[in-house]
Amino acid sequence: MDIYGLMKMGLDATELRNRTIANNIVNINTPNYKRKYVTFEDSLKNEMDNAKIEVKVDKDSVVREDGNNVDLESEKVNQAAASLQYNAIVSLTNTKLSMTKSVISGR
């Protein structure tokens, strides 16, 4: 996988992660709702060429009396981390594009 493809997948993963976290927060009071999370980095570590972005359901964490397992504080921390990751990838992409542009223009 080339660097631009990897950056695009990283942006796609963090964007989906942000939407998934927002959906978890919206459903914090929905009985029997199970939080969802996005996996990408583990798949990337194991097989770079076949990395995939997946949304999974958390069936293992502690469940409240109403069957919901969303923890608002944890989701807010995850949301902040995902936003920082997204911004870092955008910055890296811009830097890479600037370097390519500089090489093409001969500067």
PDB file of N, CA and C in Angstrom:
ATOM      1  N   MET A   1       0.853  -1.177   0.000  1.00  0.00           N
ATOM      2  CA  MET A   1       0.000   0.000   0.000  1.00  0.00           C
ATOM      3  C   MET A   1       0.896   1.237   0.000  1.00  0.00           C
ATOM      4  N   ASP A   2       0.576   2.188  -0.850  1.00  0.00           N
ATOM      5  CA  ASP A   2       1.374   3.412  -0.909  1.00  0.00           C
ATOM      6  C   ASP A   2       1.005   4.346   0.242  1.00  0.00           C
ATOM      7  N   ILE A   3       1.845   5.343   0.463  1.00  0.00           N
ATOM      8  CA  ILE A   3       1.663   6.255   1.598  1.00  0.00           C
ATOM      9  C   ILE A   3       0.361   7.042   1.507  1.00  0.00           C
ATOM     10  N   TYR A   4      -0.032   7.436   0.288  1.00  0.00           N
ATOM     11  CA  TYR A   4      -1.273   8.196   0.149  1.00  0.00           C
ATOM     12  C   TYR A   4      -2.491   7.320   0.448  1.00  0.00           C
ATOM     13  N   GLY A   5      -2.439   6.069   0.048  1.00  0.00           N
ATOM     14  CA  GLY A   5      -3.522   5.139   0.354  1.00  0.00           C
ATOM     15  C   GLY A   5      -3.633   4.903   1.850  1.00  0.00           C
ATOM     16  N   LEU A   6      -2.492   4.800   2.511  1.00  0.00           N
ATOM     17  CA  LEU A   6      -2.464   4.606   3.953  1.00  0.00           C
ATOM     18  C   LEU A   6      -3.026   5.826   4.687  1.00  0.00           C
ATOM     19  N   MET A   7      -2.642   7.013   4.217  1.00  0.00           N
ATOM     20  CA  MET A   7      -3.159   8.242   4.837  1.00  0.00           C
ATOM     21  C   MET A   7      -4.671   8.350   4.639  1.00  0.00           C
ATOM     22  N   LYS A   8      -5.144   7.987   3.452  1.00  0.00           N
ATOM     23  CA  LYS A   8      -6.583   8.024   3.193  1.00  0.00           C
ATOM     24  C   LYS A   8      -7.325   7.050   4.103  1.00  0.00           C
ATOM     25  N   MET A   9      -6.782   5.838   4.251  1.00  0.00           N
ATOM     26  CA  MET A   9      -7.428   4.873   5.152  1.00  0.00           C
ATOM     27  C   MET A   9      -7.423   5.372   6.592  1.00  0.00           C
ATOM     28  N   GLY A  10      -6.333   6.012   6.997  1.00  0.00           N
ATOM     29  CA  GLY A  10      -6.262   6.572   8.348  1.00  0.00           C
ATOM     30  C   GLY A  10      -7.306   7.655   8.561  1.00  0.00           C
ATOM     31  N   LEU A  11      -7.477   8.511   7.564  1.00  0.00           N
ATOM     32  CA  LEU A  11      -8.507   9.555   7.652  1.00  0.00           C
ATOM     33  C   LEU A  11      -9.905   8.933   7.670  1.00  0.00           C
ATOM     34  N   ASP A  12     -10.126   7.936   6.834  1.00  0.00           N
ATOM     35  CA  ASP A  12     -11.425   7.252   6.818  1.00  0.00           C
ATOM     36  C   ASP A  12     -11.719   6.595   8.163  1.00  0.00           C
ATOM     37  N   ALA A  13     -10.703   5.960   8.742  1.00  0.00           N
ATOM     38  CA  ALA A  13     -10.879   5.276  10.027  1.00  0.00           C
ATOM     39  C   ALA A  13     -11.198   6.262  11.150  1.00  0.00           C
ATOM     40  N   THR A  14     -10.469   7.378  11.194  1.00  0.00           N
ATOM     41  CA  THR A  14     -10.723   8.343  12.270  1.00  0.00           C
ATOM     42  C   THR A  14     -12.066   9.047  12.083  1.00  0.00           C
ATOM     43  N   GLU A  15     -12.453   9.280  10.834  1.00  0.00           N
ATOM     44  CA  GLU A  15     -13.761   9.896  10.578  1.00  0.00           C
ATOM     45  C   GLU A  15     -14.876   8.943  11.014  1.00  0.00           C
ATOM     46  N   LEU A  16     -14.755   7.665  10.673  1.00  0.00           N
ATOM     47  CA  LEU A  16     -15.747   6.672  11.098  1.00  0.00           C
ATOM     48  C   LEU A  16     -15.738   6.513  12.617  1.00  0.00           C
ATOM     49  N   ARG A  17     -14.557   6.572  13.217  1.00  0.00           N
ATOM     50  CA  ARG A  17     -14.447   6.466  14.675  1.00  0.00           C
ATOM     51  C   ARG A  17     -15.182   7.633  15.342  1.00  0.00           C
ATOM     52  N   ASN A  18     -15.018   8.840  14.810  1.00  0.00           N
ATOM     53  CA  ASN A  18     -15.719   9.998  15.375  1.00  0.00           C
ATOM     54  C   ASN A  18     -17.239   9.846  15.260  1.00  0.00           C
ATOM     55  N   ARG A  19     -17.716   9.366  14.098  1.00  0.00           N
ATOM     56  CA  ARG A  19     -19.165   9.153  13.931  1.00  0.00           C
ATOM     57  C   ARG A  19     -19.673   8.058  14.866  1.00  0.00           C
ATOM     58  N   THR A  20     -18.893   7.005  15.054  1.00  0.00           N
ATOM     59  CA  THR A  20     -19.292   5.901  15.930  1.00  0.00           C
ATOM     60  C   THR A  20     -19.360   6.354  17.380  1.00  0.00           C
ATOM     61  N   ILE A  21     -18.382   7.125  17.814  1.00  0.00           N
ATOM     62  CA  ILE A  21     -18.380   7.657  19.181  1.00  0.00           C
ATOM     63  C   ILE A  21     -19.568   8.585  19.387  1.00  0.00           C
ATOM     64  N   ALA A  22     -19.845   9.449  18.417  1.00  0.00           N
ATOM     65  CA  ALA A  22     -21.001  10.350  18.517  1.00  0.00           C
ATOM     66  C   ALA A  22     -22.296   9.542  18.634  1.00  0.00           C
ATOM     67  N   ASN A  23     -22.393   8.461  17.874  1.00  0.00           N
ATOM     68  CA  ASN A  23     -23.564   7.595  17.945  1.00  0.00           C
ATOM     69  C   ASN A  23     -23.678   6.937  19.325  1.00  0.00           C
ATOM     70  N   ASN A  24     -22.556   6.541  19.900  1.00  0.00           N
ATOM     71  CA  ASN A  24     -22.574   5.971  21.256  1.00  0.00           C
ATOM     72  C   ASN A  24     -23.096   6.989  22.264  1.00  0.00           C
ATOM     73  N   ILE A  25     -22.615   8.236  22.148  1.00  0.00           N
ATOM     74  CA  ILE A  25     -23.041   9.285  23.084  1.00  0.00           C
ATOM     75  C   ILE A  25     -24.533   9.569  22.933  1.00  0.00           C
ATOM     76  N   VAL A  26     -25.013   9.603  21.704  1.00  0.00           N
ATOM     77  CA  VAL A  26     -26.440   9.844  21.458  1.00  0.00           C
ATOM     78  C   VAL A  26     -27.289   8.751  22.103  1.00  0.00           C
ATOM     79  N   ASN A  27     -26.781   7.531  22.114  1.00  0.00           N
ATOM     80  CA  ASN A  27     -27.542   6.389  22.632  1.00  0.00           C
ATOM     81  C   ASN A  27     -27.235   6.047  24.079  1.00  0.00           C
ATOM     82  N   ILE A  28     -26.674   6.985  24.822  1.00  0.00           N
ATOM     83  CA  ILE A  28     -26.279   6.709  26.207  1.00  0.00           C
ATOM     84  C   ILE A  28     -27.460   6.312  27.100  1.00  0.00           C
ATOM     85  N   ASN A  29     -28.651   6.766  26.775  1.00  0.00           N
ATOM     86  CA  ASN A  29     -29.834   6.427  27.580  1.00  0.00           C
ATOM     87  C   ASN A  29     -30.750   5.419  26.907  1.00  0.00           C
ATOM     88  N   THR A  30     -30.283   4.767  25.856  1.00  0.00           N
ATOM     89  CA  THR A  30     -31.081   3.762  25.162  1.00  0.00           C
ATOM     90  C   THR A  30     -30.905   2.413  25.849  1.00  0.00           C
ATOM     91  N   PRO A  31     -31.976   1.849  26.389  1.00  0.00           N
ATOM     92  CA  PRO A  31     -31.858   0.550  27.065  1.00  0.00           C
ATOM     93  C   PRO A  31     -31.314  -0.521  26.118  1.00  0.00           C
ATOM     94  N   ASN A  32     -30.445  -1.370  26.660  1.00  0.00           N
ATOM     95  CA  ASN A  32     -29.830  -2.508  25.964  1.00  0.00           C
ATOM     96  C   ASN A  32     -28.909  -2.126  24.802  1.00  0.00           C
ATOM     97  N   TYR A  33     -28.584  -0.854  24.647  1.00  0.00           N
ATOM     98  CA  TYR A  33     -27.644  -0.441  23.600  1.00  0.00           C
ATOM     99  C   TYR A  33     -26.240  -0.865  24.010  1.00  0.00           C
ATOM    100  N   LYS A  34     -25.509  -1.424  23.081  1.00  0.00           N
ATOM    101  CA  LYS A  34     -24.119  -1.811  23.317  1.00  0.00           C
ATOM    102  C   LYS A  34     -23.219  -0.873  22.521  1.00  0.00           C
ATOM    103  N   ARG A  35     -22.223  -0.325  23.200  1.00  0.00           N
ATOM    104  CA  ARG A  35     -21.320   0.623  22.541  1.00  0.00           C
ATOM    105  C   ARG A  35     -20.602  -0.047  21.386  1.00  0.00           C
ATOM    106  N   LYS A  36     -20.296   0.757  20.403  1.00  0.00           N
ATOM    107  CA  LYS A  36     -19.576   0.278  19.232  1.00  0.00           C
ATOM    108  C   LYS A  36     -18.225   0.988  19.179  1.00  0.00           C
ATOM    109  N   TYR A  37     -17.282   0.342  18.528  1.00  0.00           N
ATOM    110  CA  TYR A  37     -15.953   0.923  18.379  1.00  0.00           C
ATOM    111  C   TYR A  37     -15.369   0.521  17.033  1.00  0.00           C
ATOM    112  N   VAL A  38     -14.411   1.302  16.570  1.00  0.00           N
ATOM    113  CA  VAL A  38     -13.802   1.082  15.259  1.00  0.00           C
ATOM    114  C   VAL A  38     -12.420   0.472  15.444  1.00  0.00           C
ATOM    115  N   THR A  39     -12.144  -0.579  14.674  1.00  0.00           N
ATOM    116  CA  THR A  39     -10.812  -1.167  14.682  1.00  0.00           C
ATOM    117  C   THR A  39     -10.161  -0.907  13.332  1.00  0.00           C
ATOM    118  N   PHE A  40      -8.926  -0.520  13.379  1.00  0.00           N
ATOM    119  CA  PHE A  40      -8.153  -0.307  12.156  1.00  0.00           C
ATOM    120  C   PHE A  40      -6.675  -0.568  12.435  1.00  0.00           C
ATOM    121  N   GLU A  41      -6.168  -0.010  13.508  1.00  0.00           N
ATOM    122  CA  GLU A  41      -4.748  -0.088  13.802  1.00  0.00           C
ATOM    123  C   GLU A  41      -4.273  -1.526  13.995  1.00  0.00           C
ATOM    124  N   ASP A  42      -5.053  -2.362  14.668  1.00  0.00           N
ATOM    125  CA  ASP A  42      -4.649  -3.759  14.874  1.00  0.00           C
ATOM    126  C   ASP A  42      -4.552  -4.488  13.541  1.00  0.00           C
ATOM    127  N   SER A  43      -5.528  -4.267  12.681  1.00  0.00           N
ATOM    128  CA  SER A  43      -5.518  -4.899  11.364  1.00  0.00           C
ATOM    129  C   SER A  43      -4.344  -4.390  10.544  1.00  0.00           C
ATOM    130  N   LEU A  44      -3.987  -3.121  10.714  1.00  0.00           N
ATOM    131  CA  LEU A  44      -2.865  -2.528   9.997  1.00  0.00           C
ATOM    132  C   LEU A  44      -1.548  -3.132  10.470  1.00  0.00           C
ATOM    133  N   LYS A  45      -1.435  -3.356  11.784  1.00  0.00           N
ATOM    134  CA  LYS A  45      -0.219  -3.966  12.332  1.00  0.00           C
ATOM    135  C   LYS A  45      -0.030  -5.385  11.805  1.00  0.00           C
ATOM    136  N   ASN A  46      -1.118  -6.127  11.735  1.00  0.00           N
ATOM    137  CA  ASN A  46      -1.038  -7.532  11.343  1.00  0.00           C
ATOM    138  C   ASN A  46      -0.790  -7.728   9.857  1.00  0.00           C
ATOM    139  N   GLU A  47      -1.455  -6.937   9.029  1.00  0.00           N
ATOM    140  CA  GLU A  47      -1.348  -7.130   7.587  1.00  0.00           C
ATOM    141  C   GLU A  47      -1.552  -5.810   6.866  1.00  0.00           C
ATOM    142  N   MET A  48      -0.483  -5.134   6.590  1.00  0.00           N
ATOM    143  CA  MET A  48      -0.569  -3.787   6.033  1.00  0.00           C
ATOM    144  C   MET A  48      -1.325  -3.739   4.702  1.00  0.00           C
ATOM    145  N   ASP A  49      -1.098  -4.692   3.834  1.00  0.00           N
ATOM    146  CA  ASP A  49      -1.748  -4.668   2.526  1.00  0.00           C
ATOM    147  C   ASP A  49      -3.228  -5.039   2.577  1.00  0.00           C
ATOM    148  N   ASN A  50      -3.642  -5.718   3.618  1.00  0.00           N
ATOM    149  CA  ASN A  50      -5.046  -6.123   3.739  1.00  0.00           C
ATOM    150  C   ASN A  50      -5.731  -5.489   4.941  1.00  0.00           C
ATOM    151  N   ALA A  51      -5.236  -4.328   5.358  1.00  0.00           N
ATOM    152  CA  ALA A  51      -5.826  -3.638   6.503  1.00  0.00           C
ATOM    153  C   ALA A  51      -7.264  -3.264   6.189  1.00  0.00           C
ATOM    154  N   LYS A  52      -8.129  -3.367   7.192  1.00  0.00           N
ATOM    155  CA  LYS A  52      -9.526  -3.011   6.989  1.00  0.00           C
ATOM    156  C   LYS A  52     -10.061  -2.262   8.189  1.00  0.00           C
ATOM    157  N   ILE A  53     -11.045  -1.439   7.917  1.00  0.00           N
ATOM    158  CA  ILE A  53     -11.700  -0.636   8.942  1.00  0.00           C
ATOM    159  C   ILE A  53     -13.005  -1.335   9.284  1.00  0.00           C
ATOM    160  N   GLU A  54     -13.197  -1.641  10.576  1.00  0.00           N
ATOM    161  CA  GLU A  54     -14.407  -2.353  10.989  1.00  0.00           C
ATOM    162  C   GLU A  54     -15.032  -1.688  12.207  1.00  0.00           C
ATOM    163  N   VAL A  55     -16.351  -1.736  12.271  1.00  0.00           N
ATOM    164  CA  VAL A  55     -17.076  -1.306  13.455  1.00  0.00           C
ATOM    165  C   VAL A  55     -17.486  -2.568  14.191  1.00  0.00           C
ATOM    166  N   LYS A  56     -17.104  -2.651  15.468  1.00  0.00           N
ATOM    167  CA  LYS A  56     -17.423  -3.825  16.272  1.00  0.00           C
ATOM    168  C   LYS A  56     -18.274  -3.415  17.469  1.00  0.00           C
ATOM    169  N   VAL A  57     -18.965  -4.382  18.031  1.00  0.00           N
ATOM    170  CA  VAL A  57     -19.823  -4.155  19.192  1.00  0.00           C
ATOM    171  C   VAL A  57     -19.080  -4.628  20.436  1.00  0.00           C
ATOM    172  N   ASP A  58     -19.056  -3.790  21.465  1.00  0.00           N
ATOM    173  CA  ASP A  58     -18.406  -4.122  22.738  1.00  0.00           C
ATOM    174  C   ASP A  58     -19.388  -4.910  23.599  1.00  0.00           C
ATOM    175  N   LYS A  59     -19.173  -6.201  23.681  1.00  0.00           N
ATOM    176  CA  LYS A  59     -20.059  -7.065  24.472  1.00  0.00           C
ATOM    177  C   LYS A  59     -19.442  -7.420  25.812  1.00  0.00           C
ATOM    178  N   ASP A  60     -18.205  -6.969  26.057  1.00  0.00           N
ATOM    179  CA  ASP A  60     -17.473  -7.395  27.248  1.00  0.00           C
ATOM    180  C   ASP A  60     -17.471  -6.401  28.394  1.00  0.00           C
ATOM    181  N   SER A  61     -17.733  -5.133  28.122  1.00  0.00           N
ATOM    182  CA  SER A  61     -17.634  -4.147  29.204  1.00  0.00           C
ATOM    183  C   SER A  61     -18.842  -4.228  30.129  1.00  0.00           C
ATOM    184  N   VAL A  62     -18.688  -3.592  31.272  1.00  0.00           N
ATOM    185  CA  VAL A  62     -19.716  -3.629  32.315  1.00  0.00           C
ATOM    186  C   VAL A  62     -21.007  -2.999  31.805  1.00  0.00           C
ATOM    187  N   VAL A  63     -22.096  -3.652  32.107  1.00  0.00           N
ATOM    188  CA  VAL A  63     -23.408  -3.216  31.646  1.00  0.00           C
ATOM    189  C   VAL A  63     -24.177  -2.628  32.829  1.00  0.00           C
ATOM    190  N   ARG A  64     -24.859  -1.504  32.576  1.00  0.00           N
ATOM    191  CA  ARG A  64     -25.708  -0.911  33.606  1.00  0.00           C
ATOM    192  C   ARG A  64     -26.965  -1.757  33.770  1.00  0.00           C
ATOM    193  N   GLU A  65     -27.791  -1.400  34.704  1.00  0.00           N
ATOM    194  CA  GLU A  65     -29.032  -2.144  34.956  1.00  0.00           C
ATOM    195  C   GLU A  65     -29.949  -2.176  33.747  1.00  0.00           C
ATOM    196  N   ASP A  66     -29.909  -1.128  32.916  1.00  0.00           N
ATOM    197  CA  ASP A  66     -30.780  -1.093  31.744  1.00  0.00           C
ATOM    198  C   ASP A  66     -30.166  -1.811  30.533  1.00  0.00           C
ATOM    199  N   GLY A  67     -28.994  -2.444  30.711  1.00  0.00           N
ATOM    200  CA  GLY A  67     -28.366  -3.195  29.634  1.00  0.00           C
ATOM    201  C   GLY A  67     -27.438  -2.372  28.757  1.00  0.00           C
ATOM    202  N   ASN A  68     -27.352  -1.062  28.995  1.00  0.00           N
ATOM    203  CA  ASN A  68     -26.505  -0.164  28.202  1.00  0.00           C
ATOM    204  C   ASN A  68     -25.086  -0.187  28.791  1.00  0.00           C
ATOM    205  N   ASN A  69     -24.070  -0.172  27.950  1.00  0.00           N
ATOM    206  CA  ASN A  69     -22.689  -0.188  28.453  1.00  0.00           C
ATOM    207  C   ASN A  69     -21.860   1.021  28.001  1.00  0.00           C
ATOM    208  N   VAL A  70     -22.513   2.125  27.653  1.00  0.00           N
ATOM    209  CA  VAL A  70     -21.804   3.334  27.224  1.00  0.00           C
ATOM    210  C   VAL A  70     -21.399   4.143  28.452  1.00  0.00           C
ATOM    211  N   ASP A  71     -20.111   4.478  28.537  1.00  0.00           N
ATOM    212  CA  ASP A  71     -19.585   5.322  29.609  1.00  0.00           C
ATOM    213  C   ASP A  71     -19.249   6.684  28.991  1.00  0.00           C
ATOM    214  N   LEU A  72     -19.967   7.715  29.396  1.00  0.00           N
ATOM    215  CA  LEU A  72     -19.831   9.036  28.784  1.00  0.00           C
ATOM    216  C   LEU A  72     -18.406   9.572  28.889  1.00  0.00           C
ATOM    217  N   GLU A  73     -17.779   9.445  30.039  1.00  0.00           N
ATOM    218  CA  GLU A  73     -16.418   9.969  30.212  1.00  0.00           C
ATOM    219  C   GLU A  73     -15.437   9.265  29.275  1.00  0.00           C
ATOM    220  N   SER A  74     -15.564   7.976  29.174  1.00  0.00           N
ATOM    221  CA  SER A  74     -14.695   7.207  28.283  1.00  0.00           C
ATOM    222  C   SER A  74     -14.906   7.605  26.822  1.00  0.00           C
ATOM    223  N   GLU A  75     -16.148   7.811  26.443  1.00  0.00           N
ATOM    224  CA  GLU A  75     -16.460   8.211  25.067  1.00  0.00           C
ATOM    225  C   GLU A  75     -15.897   9.597  24.755  1.00  0.00           C
ATOM    226  N   LYS A  76     -15.960  10.507  25.721  1.00  0.00           N
ATOM    227  CA  LYS A  76     -15.412  11.850  25.511  1.00  0.00           C
ATOM    228  C   LYS A  76     -13.904  11.793  25.336  1.00  0.00           C
ATOM    229  N   VAL A  77     -13.225  10.960  26.117  1.00  0.00           N
ATOM    230  CA  VAL A  77     -11.776  10.792  25.986  1.00  0.00           C
ATOM    231  C   VAL A  77     -11.454  10.202  24.609  1.00  0.00           C
ATOM    232  N   ASN A  78     -12.201   9.178  24.208  1.00  0.00           N
ATOM    233  CA  ASN A  78     -11.995   8.559  22.897  1.00  0.00           C
ATOM    234  C   ASN A  78     -12.246   9.554  21.767  1.00  0.00           C
ATOM    235  N   GLN A  79     -13.243  10.408  21.940  1.00  0.00           N
ATOM    236  CA  GLN A  79     -13.572  11.410  20.927  1.00  0.00           C
ATOM    237  C   GLN A  79     -12.431  12.424  20.786  1.00  0.00           C
ATOM    238  N   ALA A  80     -11.884  12.864  21.903  1.00  0.00           N
ATOM    239  CA  ALA A  80     -10.770  13.818  21.864  1.00  0.00           C
ATOM    240  C   ALA A  80      -9.551  13.180  21.200  1.00  0.00           C
ATOM    241  N   ALA A  81      -9.269  11.931  21.528  1.00  0.00           N
ATOM    242  CA  ALA A  81      -8.128  11.230  20.931  1.00  0.00           C
ATOM    243  C   ALA A  81      -8.320  11.056  19.425  1.00  0.00           C
ATOM    244  N   ALA A  82      -9.522  10.702  19.009  1.00  0.00           N
ATOM    245  CA  ALA A  82      -9.801  10.525  17.581  1.00  0.00           C
ATOM    246  C   ALA A  82      -9.664  11.843  16.824  1.00  0.00           C
ATOM    247  N   SER A  83     -10.098  12.932  17.427  1.00  0.00           N
ATOM    248  CA  SER A  83      -9.962  14.249  16.789  1.00  0.00           C
ATOM    249  C   SER A  83      -8.497  14.643  16.647  1.00  0.00           C
ATOM    250  N   LEU A  84      -7.709  14.381  17.683  1.00  0.00           N
ATOM    251  CA  LEU A  84      -6.270  14.669  17.601  1.00  0.00           C
ATOM    252  C   LEU A  84      -5.600  13.819  16.523  1.00  0.00           C
ATOM    253  N   GLN A  85      -5.992  12.564  16.447  1.00  0.00           N
ATOM    254  CA  GLN A  85      -5.436  11.668  15.438  1.00  0.00           C
ATOM    255  C   GLN A  85      -5.801  12.151  14.032  1.00  0.00           C
ATOM    256  N   TYR A  86      -7.040  12.543  13.843  1.00  0.00           N
ATOM    257  CA  TYR A  86      -7.488  13.043  12.547  1.00  0.00           C
ATOM    258  C   TYR A  86      -6.672  14.270  12.139  1.00  0.00           C
ATOM    259  N   ASN A  87      -6.532  15.217  13.067  1.00  0.00           N
ATOM    260  CA  ASN A  87      -5.771  16.437  12.783  1.00  0.00           C
ATOM    261  C   ASN A  87      -4.308  16.128  12.470  1.00  0.00           C
ATOM    262  N   ALA A  88      -3.728  15.163  13.167  1.00  0.00           N
ATOM    263  CA  ALA A  88      -2.333  14.785  12.905  1.00  0.00           C
ATOM    264  C   ALA A  88      -2.177  14.197  11.507  1.00  0.00           C
ATOM    265  N   ILE A  89      -3.124  13.361  11.094  1.00  0.00           N
ATOM    266  CA  ILE A  89      -3.045  12.761   9.757  1.00  0.00           C
ATOM    267  C   ILE A  89      -3.239  13.829   8.682  1.00  0.00           C
ATOM    268  N   VAL A  90      -4.147  14.755   8.900  1.00  0.00           N
ATOM    269  CA  VAL A  90      -4.339  15.853   7.941  1.00  0.00           C
ATOM    270  C   VAL A  90      -3.055  16.669   7.823  1.00  0.00           C
ATOM    271  N   SER A  91      -2.427  16.973   8.933  1.00  0.00           N
ATOM    272  CA  SER A  91      -1.178  17.735   8.928  1.00  0.00           C
ATOM    273  C   SER A  91      -0.078  16.968   8.194  1.00  0.00           C
ATOM    274  N   LEU A  92       0.032  15.680   8.468  1.00  0.00           N
ATOM    275  CA  LEU A  92       1.021  14.847   7.793  1.00  0.00           C
ATOM    276  C   LEU A  92       0.768  14.792   6.291  1.00  0.00           C
ATOM    277  N   THR A  93      -0.481  14.674   5.903  1.00  0.00           N
ATOM    278  CA  THR A  93      -0.849  14.637   4.487  1.00  0.00           C
ATOM    279  C   THR A  93      -0.486  15.948   3.809  1.00  0.00           C
ATOM    280  N   ASN A  94      -0.790  17.057   4.452  1.00  0.00           N
ATOM    281  CA  ASN A  94      -0.444  18.367   3.888  1.00  0.00           C
ATOM    282  C   ASN A  94       1.064  18.524   3.722  1.00  0.00           C
ATOM    283  N   THR A  95       1.823  18.053   4.706  1.00  0.00           N
ATOM    284  CA  THR A  95       3.281  18.118   4.625  1.00  0.00           C
ATOM    285  C   THR A  95       3.793  17.276   3.468  1.00  0.00           C
ATOM    286  N   LYS A  96       3.273  16.072   3.337  1.00  0.00           N
ATOM    287  CA  LYS A  96       3.687  15.170   2.250  1.00  0.00           C
ATOM    288  C   LYS A  96       3.348  15.779   0.887  1.00  0.00           C
ATOM    289  N   LEU A  97       2.165  16.357   0.759  1.00  0.00           N
ATOM    290  CA  LEU A  97       1.785  16.995  -0.503  1.00  0.00           C
ATOM    291  C   LEU A  97       2.661  18.207  -0.805  1.00  0.00           C
ATOM    292  N   SER A  98       3.007  18.975   0.207  1.00  0.00           N
ATOM    293  CA  SER A  98       3.892  20.136   0.011  1.00  0.00           C
ATOM    294  C   SER A  98       5.270  19.695  -0.442  1.00  0.00           C
ATOM    295  N   MET A  99       5.771  18.618   0.131  1.00  0.00           N
ATOM    296  CA  MET A  99       7.082  18.101  -0.277  1.00  0.00           C
ATOM    297  C   MET A  99       7.026  17.623  -1.727  1.00  0.00           C
ATOM    298  N   THR A 100       5.978  16.941  -2.099  1.00  0.00           N
ATOM    299  CA  THR A 100       5.834  16.457  -3.477  1.00  0.00           C
ATOM    300  C   THR A 100       5.748  17.629  -4.440  1.00  0.00           C
ATOM    301  N   LYS A 101       4.976  18.631  -4.072  1.00  0.00           N
ATOM    302  CA  LYS A 101       4.838  19.828  -4.914  1.00  0.00           C
ATOM    303  C   LYS A 101       6.187  20.523  -5.077  1.00  0.00           C
ATOM    304  N   SER A 102       6.947  20.578  -3.996  1.00  0.00           N
ATOM    305  CA  SER A 102       8.271  21.205  -4.038  1.00  0.00           C
ATOM    306  C   SER A 102       9.224  20.446  -4.947  1.00  0.00           C
ATOM    307  N   VAL A 103       9.178  19.134  -4.899  1.00  0.00           N
ATOM    308  CA  VAL A 103      10.028  18.311  -5.773  1.00  0.00           C
ATOM    309  C   VAL A 103       9.642  18.502  -7.233  1.00  0.00           C
ATOM    310  N   ILE A 104       8.342  18.546  -7.497  1.00  0.00           N
ATOM    311  CA  ILE A 104       7.872  18.706  -8.882  1.00  0.00           C
ATOM    312  C   ILE A 104       8.263  20.072  -9.431  1.00  0.00           C
ATOM    313  N   SER A 105       8.152  21.101  -8.607  1.00  0.00           N
ATOM    314  CA  SER A 105       8.461  22.445  -9.097  1.00  0.00           C
ATOM    315  C   SER A 105       9.968  22.732  -9.086  1.00  0.00           C
ATOM    316  N   GLY A 106      10.754  21.842  -8.479  1.00  0.00           N
ATOM    317  CA  GLY A 106      12.214  21.997  -8.489  1.00  0.00           C
ATOM    318  C   GLY A 106      12.753  22.962  -7.469  1.00  0.00           C
ATOM    319  N   ARG A 107      12.037  23.202  -6.428  1.00  0.00           N
ATOM    320  CA  ARG A 107      12.496  24.145  -5.381  1.00  0.00           C
ATOM    321  C   ARG A 107      13.085  23.398  -4.210  1.00  0.00           C
TER     322      ARG A 107
END
